């Protein structure tokens, strides 16, 4: 399949073919299958975030034992990994400089471009 450029804002979980003022945090080159997989990760992050919101209103349920929060964190790592793999050179450099993939590489081979 043909890969096309898309603009990704991980904070708003937006994937767009159109460049707008605030959606160009990362630029990826993806096909339909890649987009579906990234959208699934974003959807799971949203669901985990929503569950965490409701858990936050239960005073006797401690934050550090919140499975939904852990799931959100794992979703963020997965999203950054996918964006890195699909990203252009500037995106890869940006994510590398953030250090968010270091956790993923503790037991793996270093990232290869």
PDB file of N, CA and C in Angstrom:
ATOM      1  N   UNK A   1       0.829  -1.192   0.000  1.00  0.00           N
ATOM      2  CA  UNK A   1       0.000   0.000   0.000  1.00  0.00           C
ATOM      3  C   UNK A   1       0.871   1.252   0.000  1.00  0.00           C
ATOM      4  N   UNK A   2       0.288   2.326  -0.452  1.00  0.00           N
ATOM      5  CA  UNK A   2       0.966   3.610  -0.467  1.00  0.00           C
ATOM      6  C   UNK A   2       0.933   4.261   0.898  1.00  0.00           C
ATOM      7  N   UNK A   3       2.091   4.709   1.331  1.00  0.00           N
ATOM      8  CA  UNK A   3       2.153   5.434   2.597  1.00  0.00           C
ATOM      9  C   UNK A   3       2.062   6.920   2.297  1.00  0.00           C
ATOM     10  N   UNK A   4       1.243   7.603   3.093  1.00  0.00           N
ATOM     11  CA  UNK A   4       1.037   9.032   2.934  1.00  0.00           C
ATOM     12  C   UNK A   4       1.442   9.736   4.218  1.00  0.00           C
ATOM     13  N   UNK A   5       1.764  11.022   4.121  1.00  0.00           N
ATOM     14  CA  UNK A   5       2.098  11.763   5.342  1.00  0.00           C
ATOM     15  C   UNK A   5       0.845  12.112   6.142  1.00  0.00           C
ATOM     16  N   UNK A   6       0.965  12.002   7.461  1.00  0.00           N
ATOM     17  CA  UNK A   6      -0.102  12.371   8.388  1.00  0.00           C
ATOM     18  C   UNK A   6       0.525  13.172   9.520  1.00  0.00           C
ATOM     19  N   UNK A   7      -0.278  14.035  10.099  1.00  0.00           N
ATOM     20  CA  UNK A   7       0.140  14.871  11.218  1.00  0.00           C
ATOM     21  C   UNK A   7      -0.503  14.328  12.486  1.00  0.00           C
ATOM     22  N   UNK A   8       0.318  14.158  13.510  1.00  0.00           N
ATOM     23  CA  UNK A   8      -0.153  13.524  14.744  1.00  0.00           C
ATOM     24  C   UNK A   8       0.090  14.453  15.924  1.00  0.00           C
ATOM     25  N   UNK A   9      -0.949  14.613  16.732  1.00  0.00           N
ATOM     26  CA  UNK A   9      -0.837  15.296  18.014  1.00  0.00           C
ATOM     27  C   UNK A   9      -1.209  14.263  19.064  1.00  0.00           C
ATOM     28  N   UNK A  10      -0.223  13.807  19.817  1.00  0.00           N
ATOM     29  CA  UNK A  10      -0.475  12.721  20.773  1.00  0.00           C
ATOM     30  C   UNK A  10      -1.301  13.206  21.960  1.00  0.00           C
ATOM     31  N   UNK A  11      -1.219  14.475  22.305  1.00  0.00           N
ATOM     32  CA  UNK A  11      -1.994  15.018  23.422  1.00  0.00           C
ATOM     33  C   UNK A  11      -3.490  14.983  23.176  1.00  0.00           C
ATOM     34  N   UNK A  12      -3.881  15.285  21.952  1.00  0.00           N
ATOM     35  CA  UNK A  12      -5.302  15.269  21.603  1.00  0.00           C
ATOM     36  C   UNK A  12      -5.688  13.974  20.892  1.00  0.00           C
ATOM     37  N   UNK A  13      -4.717  13.120  20.675  1.00  0.00           N
ATOM     38  CA  UNK A  13      -4.893  11.840  19.972  1.00  0.00           C
ATOM     39  C   UNK A  13      -5.468  12.064  18.569  1.00  0.00           C
ATOM     40  N   UNK A  14      -4.964  13.102  17.919  1.00  0.00           N
ATOM     41  CA  UNK A  14      -5.430  13.458  16.583  1.00  0.00           C
ATOM     42  C   UNK A  14      -4.466  12.933  15.527  1.00  0.00           C
ATOM     43  N   UNK A  15      -5.028  12.351  14.481  1.00  0.00           N
ATOM     44  CA  UNK A  15      -4.279  11.927  13.301  1.00  0.00           C
ATOM     45  C   UNK A  15      -4.969  12.603  12.124  1.00  0.00           C
ATOM     46  N   UNK A  16      -4.237  13.429  11.396  1.00  0.00           N
ATOM     47  CA  UNK A  16      -4.879  14.210  10.337  1.00  0.00           C
ATOM     48  C   UNK A  16      -4.031  14.212   9.077  1.00  0.00           C
ATOM     49  N   UNK A  17      -4.703  14.208   7.960  1.00  0.00           N
ATOM     50  CA  UNK A  17      -4.013  14.339   6.680  1.00  0.00           C
ATOM     51  C   UNK A  17      -3.739  15.811   6.378  1.00  0.00           C
ATOM     52  N   UNK A  18      -4.495  16.692   7.039  1.00  0.00           N
ATOM     53  CA  UNK A  18      -4.351  18.135   6.848  1.00  0.00           C
ATOM     54  C   UNK A  18      -3.508  18.742   7.956  1.00  0.00           C
ATOM     55  N   UNK A  19      -2.617  19.624   7.565  1.00  0.00           N
ATOM     56  CA  UNK A  19      -1.801  20.323   8.550  1.00  0.00           C
ATOM     57  C   UNK A  19      -2.571  21.529   9.071  1.00  0.00           C
ATOM     58  N   UNK A  20      -2.799  21.548  10.382  1.00  0.00           N
ATOM     59  CA  UNK A  20      -3.432  22.682  11.039  1.00  0.00           C
ATOM     60  C   UNK A  20      -2.431  23.290  12.005  1.00  0.00           C
ATOM     61  N   UNK A  21      -2.847  24.300  12.708  1.00  0.00           N
ATOM     62  CA  UNK A  21      -1.945  25.053  13.573  1.00  0.00           C
ATOM     63  C   UNK A  21      -1.314  24.215  14.673  1.00  0.00           C
ATOM     64  N   UNK A  22      -2.042  23.266  15.256  1.00  0.00           N
ATOM     65  CA  UNK A  22      -1.513  22.576  16.436  1.00  0.00           C
ATOM     66  C   UNK A  22      -1.456  21.056  16.284  1.00  0.00           C
ATOM     67  N   UNK A  23      -1.469  20.543  15.087  1.00  0.00           N
ATOM     68  CA  UNK A  23      -1.497  19.095  14.956  1.00  0.00           C
ATOM     69  C   UNK A  23      -0.219  18.514  14.367  1.00  0.00           C
ATOM     70  N   UNK A  24       0.842  19.278  14.369  1.00  0.00           N
ATOM     71  CA  UNK A  24       2.057  18.792  13.724  1.00  0.00           C
ATOM     72  C   UNK A  24       3.171  18.461  14.722  1.00  0.00           C
ATOM     73  N   UNK A  25       2.791  17.965  15.897  1.00  0.00           N
ATOM     74  CA  UNK A  25       3.821  17.539  16.845  1.00  0.00           C
ATOM     75  C   UNK A  25       4.727  16.500  16.202  1.00  0.00           C
ATOM     76  N   UNK A  26       4.110  15.576  15.460  1.00  0.00           N
ATOM     77  CA  UNK A  26       4.841  14.506  14.802  1.00  0.00           C
ATOM     78  C   UNK A  26       4.289  14.312  13.393  1.00  0.00           C
ATOM     79  N   UNK A  27       5.180  14.003  12.460  1.00  0.00           N
ATOM     80  CA  UNK A  27       4.776  13.691  11.097  1.00  0.00           C
ATOM     81  C   UNK A  27       5.140  12.235  10.841  1.00  0.00           C
ATOM     82  N   UNK A  28       4.144  11.459  10.415  1.00  0.00           N
ATOM     83  CA  UNK A  28       4.363  10.051  10.116  1.00  0.00           C
ATOM     84  C   UNK A  28       4.018   9.781   8.660  1.00  0.00           C
ATOM     85  N   UNK A  29       4.500   8.655   8.158  1.00  0.00           N
ATOM     86  CA  UNK A  29       4.140   8.173   6.826  1.00  0.00           C
ATOM     87  C   UNK A  29       3.510   6.807   7.039  1.00  0.00           C
ATOM     88  N   UNK A  30       2.213   6.725   6.750  1.00  0.00           N
ATOM     89  CA  UNK A  30       1.459   5.523   7.103  1.00  0.00           C
ATOM     90  C   UNK A  30       0.496   5.130   5.994  1.00  0.00           C
ATOM     91  N   UNK A  31       0.135   3.843   6.006  1.00  0.00           N
ATOM     92  CA  UNK A  31      -0.930   3.359   5.134  1.00  0.00           C
ATOM     93  C   UNK A  31      -2.169   3.120   6.000  1.00  0.00           C
ATOM     94  N   UNK A  32      -3.227   2.629   5.404  1.00  0.00           N
ATOM     95  CA  UNK A  32      -4.495   2.441   6.126  1.00  0.00           C
ATOM     96  C   UNK A  32      -4.338   1.503   7.332  1.00  0.00           C
ATOM     97  N   UNK A  33      -3.594   0.433   7.163  1.00  0.00           N
ATOM     98  CA  UNK A  33      -3.404  -0.515   8.268  1.00  0.00           C
ATOM     99  C   UNK A  33      -2.658   0.134   9.435  1.00  0.00           C
ATOM    100  N   UNK A  34      -1.612   0.902   9.117  1.00  0.00           N
ATOM    101  CA  UNK A  34      -0.873   1.615  10.159  1.00  0.00           C
ATOM    102  C   UNK A  34      -1.789   2.570  10.925  1.00  0.00           C
ATOM    103  N   UNK A  35      -2.630   3.273  10.178  1.00  0.00           N
ATOM    104  CA  UNK A  35      -3.553   4.227  10.809  1.00  0.00           C
ATOM    105  C   UNK A  35      -4.541   3.519  11.730  1.00  0.00           C
ATOM    106  N   UNK A  36      -5.055   2.385  11.290  1.00  0.00           N
ATOM    107  CA  UNK A  36      -5.986   1.634  12.133  1.00  0.00           C
ATOM    108  C   UNK A  36      -5.321   1.183  13.426  1.00  0.00           C
ATOM    109  N   UNK A  37      -4.090   0.711  13.329  1.00  0.00           N
ATOM    110  CA  UNK A  37      -3.378   0.262  14.532  1.00  0.00           C
ATOM    111  C   UNK A  37      -3.107   1.423  15.490  1.00  0.00           C
ATOM    112  N   UNK A  38      -2.676   2.557  14.947  1.00  0.00           N
ATOM    113  CA  UNK A  38      -2.425   3.724  15.797  1.00  0.00           C
ATOM    114  C   UNK A  38      -3.728   4.233  16.405  1.00  0.00           C
ATOM    115  N   UNK A  39      -4.800   4.239  15.644  1.00  0.00           N
ATOM    116  CA  UNK A  39      -6.103   4.671  16.156  1.00  0.00           C
ATOM    117  C   UNK A  39      -6.560   3.748  17.278  1.00  0.00           C
ATOM    118  N   UNK A  40      -6.319   2.440  17.153  1.00  0.00           N
ATOM    119  CA  UNK A  40      -6.673   1.494  18.220  1.00  0.00           C
ATOM    120  C   UNK A  40      -5.909   1.813  19.497  1.00  0.00           C
ATOM    121  N   UNK A  41      -4.631   2.132  19.371  1.00  0.00           N
ATOM    122  CA  UNK A  41      -3.837   2.498  20.545  1.00  0.00           C
ATOM    123  C   UNK A  41      -4.410   3.761  21.177  1.00  0.00           C
ATOM    124  N   UNK A  42      -4.725   4.773  20.355  1.00  0.00           N
ATOM    125  CA  UNK A  42      -5.303   6.012  20.879  1.00  0.00           C
ATOM    126  C   UNK A  42      -6.657   5.764  21.538  1.00  0.00           C
ATOM    127  N   UNK A  43      -7.464   4.896  20.948  1.00  0.00           N
ATOM    128  CA  UNK A  43      -8.764   4.587  21.544  1.00  0.00           C
ATOM    129  C   UNK A  43      -8.608   3.900  22.893  1.00  0.00           C
ATOM    130  N   UNK A  44      -7.671   2.985  23.009  1.00  0.00           N
ATOM    131  CA  UNK A  44      -7.424   2.320  24.289  1.00  0.00           C
ATOM    132  C   UNK A  44      -6.897   3.304  25.327  1.00  0.00           C
ATOM    133  N   UNK A  45      -6.065   4.252  24.890  1.00  0.00           N
ATOM    134  CA  UNK A  45      -5.592   5.285  25.810  1.00  0.00           C
ATOM    135  C   UNK A  45      -6.773   6.104  26.330  1.00  0.00           C
ATOM    136  N   UNK A  46      -7.689   6.457  25.450  1.00  0.00           N
ATOM    137  CA  UNK A  46      -8.867   7.214  25.851  1.00  0.00           C
ATOM    138  C   UNK A  46      -9.694   6.425  26.871  1.00  0.00           C
ATOM    139  N   UNK A  47      -9.916   5.145  26.585  1.00  0.00           N
ATOM    140  CA  UNK A  47     -10.694   4.308  27.500  1.00  0.00           C
ATOM    141  C   UNK A  47     -10.018   4.185  28.865  1.00  0.00           C
ATOM    142  N   UNK A  48      -8.705   3.999  28.878  1.00  0.00           N
ATOM    143  CA  UNK A  48      -7.969   3.910  30.142  1.00  0.00           C
ATOM    144  C   UNK A  48      -8.027   5.224  30.901  1.00  0.00           C
ATOM    145  N   UNK A  49      -7.910   6.325  30.170  1.00  0.00           N
ATOM    146  CA  UNK A  49      -7.978   7.649  30.786  1.00  0.00           C
ATOM    147  C   UNK A  49      -9.347   7.885  31.424  1.00  0.00           C
ATOM    148  N   UNK A  50     -10.392   7.462  30.757  1.00  0.00           N
ATOM    149  CA  UNK A  50     -11.752   7.612  31.287  1.00  0.00           C
ATOM    150  C   UNK A  50     -11.937   6.775  32.547  1.00  0.00           C
ATOM    151  N   UNK A  51     -11.444   5.537  32.525  1.00  0.00           N
ATOM    152  CA  UNK A  51     -11.537   4.694  33.727  1.00  0.00           C
ATOM    153  C   UNK A  51     -10.753   5.296  34.890  1.00  0.00           C
ATOM    154  N   UNK A  52      -9.597   5.883  34.591  1.00  0.00           N
ATOM    155  CA  UNK A  52      -8.797   6.527  35.641  1.00  0.00           C
ATOM    156  C   UNK A  52      -9.525   7.722  36.240  1.00  0.00           C
ATOM    157  N   UNK A  53     -10.234   8.460  35.396  1.00  0.00           N
ATOM    158  CA  UNK A  53     -10.998   9.601  35.875  1.00  0.00           C
ATOM    159  C   UNK A  53     -12.016   9.153  36.926  1.00  0.00           C
ATOM    160  N   UNK A  54     -12.749   8.099  36.620  1.00  0.00           N
ATOM    161  CA  UNK A  54     -13.754   7.631  37.569  1.00  0.00           C
ATOM    162  C   UNK A  54     -13.113   7.028  38.820  1.00  0.00           C
ATOM    163  N   UNK A  55     -11.980   6.363  38.668  1.00  0.00           N
ATOM    164  CA  UNK A  55     -11.274   5.803  39.811  1.00  0.00           C
ATOM    165  C   UNK A  55     -10.784   6.915  40.742  1.00  0.00           C
ATOM    166  N   UNK A  56     -10.426   8.043  40.166  1.00  0.00           N
ATOM    167  CA  UNK A  56      -9.913   9.162  40.960  1.00  0.00           C
ATOM    168  C   UNK A  56     -10.930   9.670  41.969  1.00  0.00           C
ATOM    169  N   UNK A  57     -12.194   9.355  41.769  1.00  0.00           N
ATOM    170  CA  UNK A  57     -13.243   9.823  42.668  1.00  0.00           C
ATOM    171  C   UNK A  57     -13.581   8.815  43.765  1.00  0.00           C
ATOM    172  N   UNK A  58     -12.759   7.779  43.864  1.00  0.00           N
ATOM    173  CA  UNK A  58     -12.929   6.776  44.915  1.00  0.00           C
ATOM    174  C   UNK A  58     -11.777   6.978  45.898  1.00  0.00           C
ATOM    175  N   UNK A  59     -12.041   7.588  47.038  1.00  0.00           N
ATOM    176  CA  UNK A  59     -10.959   8.007  47.939  1.00  0.00           C
ATOM    177  C   UNK A  59     -10.140   6.866  48.544  1.00  0.00           C
ATOM    178  N   UNK A  60     -10.689   5.699  48.674  1.00  0.00           N
ATOM    179  CA  UNK A  60      -9.945   4.618  49.320  1.00  0.00           C
ATOM    180  C   UNK A  60      -9.206   3.732  48.314  1.00  0.00           C
ATOM    181  N   UNK A  61      -9.245   4.070  47.027  1.00  0.00           N
ATOM    182  CA  UNK A  61      -8.556   3.316  45.990  1.00  0.00           C
ATOM    183  C   UNK A  61      -7.275   4.072  45.624  1.00  0.00           C
ATOM    184  N   UNK A  62      -6.110   3.633  46.103  1.00  0.00           N
ATOM    185  CA  UNK A  62      -4.874   4.413  45.924  1.00  0.00           C
ATOM    186  C   UNK A  62      -4.431   4.519  44.462  1.00  0.00           C
ATOM    187  N   UNK A  63      -3.894   5.662  44.139  1.00  0.00           N
ATOM    188  CA  UNK A  63      -3.457   5.970  42.777  1.00  0.00           C
ATOM    189  C   UNK A  63      -2.400   4.981  42.288  1.00  0.00           C
ATOM    190  N   UNK A  64      -1.464   4.632  43.147  1.00  0.00           N
ATOM    191  CA  UNK A  64      -0.363   3.775  42.709  1.00  0.00           C
ATOM    192  C   UNK A  64      -0.793   2.330  42.446  1.00  0.00           C
ATOM    193  N   UNK A  65      -2.038   2.014  42.719  1.00  0.00           N
ATOM    194  CA  UNK A  65      -2.566   0.681  42.405  1.00  0.00           C
ATOM    195  C   UNK A  65      -3.679   0.772  41.352  1.00  0.00           C
ATOM    196  N   UNK A  66      -3.546   1.709  40.458  1.00  0.00           N
ATOM    197  CA  UNK A  66      -4.572   1.951  39.453  1.00  0.00           C
ATOM    198  C   UNK A  66      -4.183   1.279  38.135  1.00  0.00           C
ATOM    199  N   UNK A  67      -4.831   0.180  37.817  1.00  0.00           N
ATOM    200  CA  UNK A  67      -4.538  -0.556  36.594  1.00  0.00           C
ATOM    201  C   UNK A  67      -4.818   0.287  35.359  1.00  0.00           C
ATOM    202  N   UNK A  68      -5.856   1.096  35.398  1.00  0.00           N
ATOM    203  CA  UNK A  68      -6.191   1.945  34.255  1.00  0.00           C
ATOM    204  C   UNK A  68      -5.069   2.935  33.969  1.00  0.00           C
ATOM    205  N   UNK A  69      -4.465   3.472  35.007  1.00  0.00           N
ATOM    206  CA  UNK A  69      -3.354   4.395  34.828  1.00  0.00           C
ATOM    207  C   UNK A  69      -2.161   3.673  34.196  1.00  0.00           C
ATOM    208  N   UNK A  70      -1.896   2.455  34.658  1.00  0.00           N
ATOM    209  CA  UNK A  70      -0.812   1.661  34.078  1.00  0.00           C
ATOM    210  C   UNK A  70      -1.090   1.354  32.604  1.00  0.00           C
ATOM    211  N   UNK A  71      -2.347   1.051  32.292  1.00  0.00           N
ATOM    212  CA  UNK A  71      -2.727   0.783  30.907  1.00  0.00           C
ATOM    213  C   UNK A  71      -2.547   2.031  30.039  1.00  0.00           C
ATOM    214  N   UNK A  72      -2.874   3.200  30.583  1.00  0.00           N
ATOM    215  CA  UNK A  72      -2.675   4.445  29.844  1.00  0.00           C
ATOM    216  C   UNK A  72      -1.191   4.654  29.562  1.00  0.00           C
ATOM    217  N   UNK A  73      -0.361   4.433  30.589  1.00  0.00           N
ATOM    218  CA  UNK A  73       1.086   4.581  30.407  1.00  0.00           C
ATOM    219  C   UNK A  73       1.619   3.633  29.340  1.00  0.00           C
ATOM    220  N   UNK A  74       1.148   2.409  29.346  1.00  0.00           N
ATOM    221  CA  UNK A  74       1.570   1.438  28.336  1.00  0.00           C
ATOM    222  C   UNK A  74       1.090   1.876  26.950  1.00  0.00           C
ATOM    223  N   UNK A  75      -0.098   2.439  26.889  1.00  0.00           N
ATOM    224  CA  UNK A  75      -0.611   2.956  25.622  1.00  0.00           C
ATOM    225  C   UNK A  75       0.249   4.098  25.092  1.00  0.00           C
ATOM    226  N   UNK A  76       0.685   4.978  25.985  1.00  0.00           N
ATOM    227  CA  UNK A  76       1.565   6.075  25.580  1.00  0.00           C
ATOM    228  C   UNK A  76       2.866   5.523  25.007  1.00  0.00           C
ATOM    229  N   UNK A  77       3.435   4.537  25.677  1.00  0.00           N
ATOM    230  CA  UNK A  77       4.678   3.937  25.181  1.00  0.00           C
ATOM    231  C   UNK A  77       4.457   3.302  23.812  1.00  0.00           C
ATOM    232  N   UNK A  78       3.348   2.597  23.655  1.00  0.00           N
ATOM    233  CA  UNK A  78       3.044   1.973  22.362  1.00  0.00           C
ATOM    234  C   UNK A  78       2.851   3.028  21.279  1.00  0.00           C
ATOM    235  N   UNK A  79       2.157   4.098  21.623  1.00  0.00           N
ATOM    236  CA  UNK A  79       1.921   5.164  20.647  1.00  0.00           C
ATOM    237  C   UNK A  79       3.239   5.810  20.231  1.00  0.00           C
ATOM    238  N   UNK A  80       4.094   6.126  21.201  1.00  0.00           N
ATOM    239  CA  UNK A  80       5.384   6.721  20.861  1.00  0.00           C
ATOM    240  C   UNK A  80       6.224   5.773  20.024  1.00  0.00           C
ATOM    241  N   UNK A  81       6.185   4.490  20.327  1.00  0.00           N
ATOM    242  CA  UNK A  81       6.934   3.507  19.540  1.00  0.00           C
ATOM    243  C   UNK A  81       6.414   3.479  18.096  1.00  0.00           C
ATOM    244  N   UNK A  82       5.098   3.440  17.920  1.00  0.00           N
ATOM    245  CA  UNK A  82       4.533   3.411  16.571  1.00  0.00           C
ATOM    246  C   UNK A  82       4.845   4.698  15.816  1.00  0.00           C
ATOM    247  N   UNK A  83       4.709   5.829  16.493  1.00  0.00           N
ATOM    248  CA  UNK A  83       4.998   7.109  15.850  1.00  0.00           C
ATOM    249  C   UNK A  83       6.462   7.183  15.465  1.00  0.00           C
ATOM    250  N   UNK A  84       7.334   6.681  16.340  1.00  0.00           N
ATOM    251  CA  UNK A  84       8.761   6.654  16.010  1.00  0.00           C
ATOM    252  C   UNK A  84       9.005   5.796  14.772  1.00  0.00           C
ATOM    253  N   UNK A  85       8.427   4.601  14.739  1.00  0.00           N
ATOM    254  CA  UNK A  85       8.638   3.679  13.622  1.00  0.00           C
ATOM    255  C   UNK A  85       8.102   4.236  12.304  1.00  0.00           C
ATOM    256  N   UNK A  86       6.999   4.976  12.354  1.00  0.00           N
ATOM    257  CA  UNK A  86       6.375   5.521  11.148  1.00  0.00           C
ATOM    258  C   UNK A  86       6.850   6.943  10.825  1.00  0.00           C
ATOM    259  N   UNK A  87       7.569   7.549  11.749  1.00  0.00           N
ATOM    260  CA  UNK A  87       7.897   8.964  11.631  1.00  0.00           C
ATOM    261  C   UNK A  87       8.968   9.299  10.623  1.00  0.00           C
ATOM    262  N   UNK A  88       8.968  10.577  10.228  1.00  0.00           N
ATOM    263  CA  UNK A  88      10.040  11.082   9.385  1.00  0.00           C
ATOM    264  C   UNK A  88      11.273  11.313  10.270  1.00  0.00           C
ATOM    265  N   UNK A  89      12.353  11.752   9.683  1.00  0.00           N
ATOM    266  CA  UNK A  89      13.608  11.894  10.429  1.00  0.00           C
ATOM    267  C   UNK A  89      13.476  12.891  11.584  1.00  0.00           C
ATOM    268  N   UNK A  90      12.775  14.003  11.355  1.00  0.00           N
ATOM    269  CA  UNK A  90      12.583  15.008  12.409  1.00  0.00           C
ATOM    270  C   UNK A  90      11.792  14.412  13.578  1.00  0.00           C
ATOM    271  N   UNK A  91      10.766  13.628  13.276  1.00  0.00           N
ATOM    272  CA  UNK A  91       9.959  12.982  14.315  1.00  0.00           C
ATOM    273  C   UNK A  91      10.806  12.004  15.118  1.00  0.00           C
ATOM    274  N   UNK A  92      11.618  11.207  14.432  1.00  0.00           N
ATOM    275  CA  UNK A  92      12.475  10.240  15.124  1.00  0.00           C
ATOM    276  C   UNK A  92      13.465  10.955  16.044  1.00  0.00           C
ATOM    277  N   UNK A  93      14.047  12.038  15.569  1.00  0.00           N
ATOM    278  CA  UNK A  93      14.982  12.795  16.399  1.00  0.00           C
ATOM    279  C   UNK A  93      14.282  13.392  17.610  1.00  0.00           C
ATOM    280  N   UNK A  94      13.079  13.936  17.392  1.00  0.00           N
ATOM    281  CA  UNK A  94      12.320  14.539  18.483  1.00  0.00           C
ATOM    282  C   UNK A  94      12.006  13.502  19.569  1.00  0.00           C
ATOM    283  N   UNK A  95      11.490  12.351  19.158  1.00  0.00           N
ATOM    284  CA  UNK A  95      11.135  11.311  20.128  1.00  0.00           C
ATOM    285  C   UNK A  95      12.383  10.783  20.825  1.00  0.00           C
ATOM    286  N   UNK A  96      13.470  10.602  20.087  1.00  0.00           N
ATOM    287  CA  UNK A  96      14.720  10.150  20.706  1.00  0.00           C
ATOM    288  C   UNK A  96      15.207  11.138  21.755  1.00  0.00           C
ATOM    289  N   UNK A  97      15.080  12.432  21.450  1.00  0.00           N
ATOM    290  CA  UNK A  97      15.541  13.454  22.392  1.00  0.00           C
ATOM    291  C   UNK A  97      14.681  13.517  23.649  1.00  0.00           C
ATOM    292  N   UNK A  98      13.429  13.074  23.537  1.00  0.00           N
ATOM    293  CA  UNK A  98      12.523  13.078  24.690  1.00  0.00           C
ATOM    294  C   UNK A  98      12.873  11.981  25.688  1.00  0.00           C
ATOM    295  N   UNK A  99      13.502  10.915  25.225  1.00  0.00           N
ATOM    296  CA  UNK A  99      13.864   9.820  26.113  1.00  0.00           C
ATOM    297  C   UNK A  99      12.714   8.904  26.491  1.00  0.00           C
ATOM    298  N   UNK A 100      11.592   9.005  25.799  1.00  0.00           N
ATOM    299  CA  UNK A 100      10.423   8.206  26.173  1.00  0.00           C
ATOM    300  C   UNK A 100      10.539   6.747  25.753  1.00  0.00           C
ATOM    301  N   UNK A 101      11.456   6.432  24.863  1.00  0.00           N
ATOM    302  CA  UNK A 101      11.606   5.053  24.411  1.00  0.00           C
ATOM    303  C   UNK A 101      12.699   4.306  25.159  1.00  0.00           C
ATOM    304  N   UNK A 102      13.399   4.977  26.050  1.00  0.00           N
ATOM    305  CA  UNK A 102      14.478   4.319  26.791  1.00  0.00           C
ATOM    306  C   UNK A 102      13.962   3.151  27.610  1.00  0.00           C
ATOM    307  N   UNK A 103      12.781   3.274  28.207  1.00  0.00           N
ATOM    308  CA  UNK A 103      12.200   2.178  28.980  1.00  0.00           C
ATOM    309  C   UNK A 103      11.984   0.950  28.118  1.00  0.00           C
ATOM    310  N   UNK A 104      11.606   1.187  26.865  1.00  0.00           N
ATOM    311  CA  UNK A 104      11.328   0.073  25.967  1.00  0.00           C
ATOM    312  C   UNK A 104      12.602  -0.644  25.543  1.00  0.00           C
ATOM    313  N   UNK A 105      13.722   0.021  25.643  1.00  0.00           N
ATOM    314  CA  UNK A 105      14.966  -0.532  25.124  1.00  0.00           C
ATOM    315  C   UNK A 105      15.878  -1.098  26.196  1.00  0.00           C
ATOM    316  N   UNK A 106      15.448  -1.108  27.451  1.00  0.00           N
ATOM    317  CA  UNK A 106      16.294  -1.636  28.513  1.00  0.00           C
ATOM    318  C   UNK A 106      16.682  -3.082  28.260  1.00  0.00           C
ATOM    319  N   UNK A 107      15.768  -3.873  27.729  1.00  0.00           N
ATOM    320  CA  UNK A 107      16.022  -5.278  27.476  1.00  0.00           C
ATOM    321  C   UNK A 107      16.010  -5.614  25.994  1.00  0.00           C
ATOM    322  N   UNK A 108      16.134  -4.604  25.165  1.00  0.00           N
ATOM    323  CA  UNK A 108      16.077  -4.807  23.731  1.00  0.00           C
ATOM    324  C   UNK A 108      17.332  -4.248  23.084  1.00  0.00           C
ATOM    325  N   UNK A 109      17.472  -4.501  21.799  1.00  0.00           N
ATOM    326  CA  UNK A 109      18.532  -3.926  21.030  1.00  0.00           C
ATOM    327  C   UNK A 109      18.222  -2.451  20.830  1.00  0.00           C
ATOM    328  N   UNK A 110      19.244  -1.575  20.800  1.00  0.00           N
ATOM    329  CA  UNK A 110      18.968  -0.150  20.575  1.00  0.00           C
ATOM    330  C   UNK A 110      18.220   0.066  19.274  1.00  0.00           C
ATOM    331  N   UNK A 111      17.493   1.191  19.229  1.00  0.00           N
ATOM    332  CA  UNK A 111      16.705   1.533  18.052  1.00  0.00           C
ATOM    333  C   UNK A 111      17.594   1.631  16.826  1.00  0.00           C
ATOM    334  N   UNK A 112      17.118   1.089  15.739  1.00  0.00           N
ATOM    335  CA  UNK A 112      17.810   1.169  14.467  1.00  0.00           C
ATOM    336  C   UNK A 112      16.960   1.978  13.512  1.00  0.00           C
ATOM    337  N   UNK A 113      17.560   2.931  12.809  1.00  0.00           N
ATOM    338  CA  UNK A 113      16.816   3.720  11.819  1.00  0.00           C
ATOM    339  C   UNK A 113      16.815   3.027  10.488  1.00  0.00           C
TER     340      UNK A 113
END
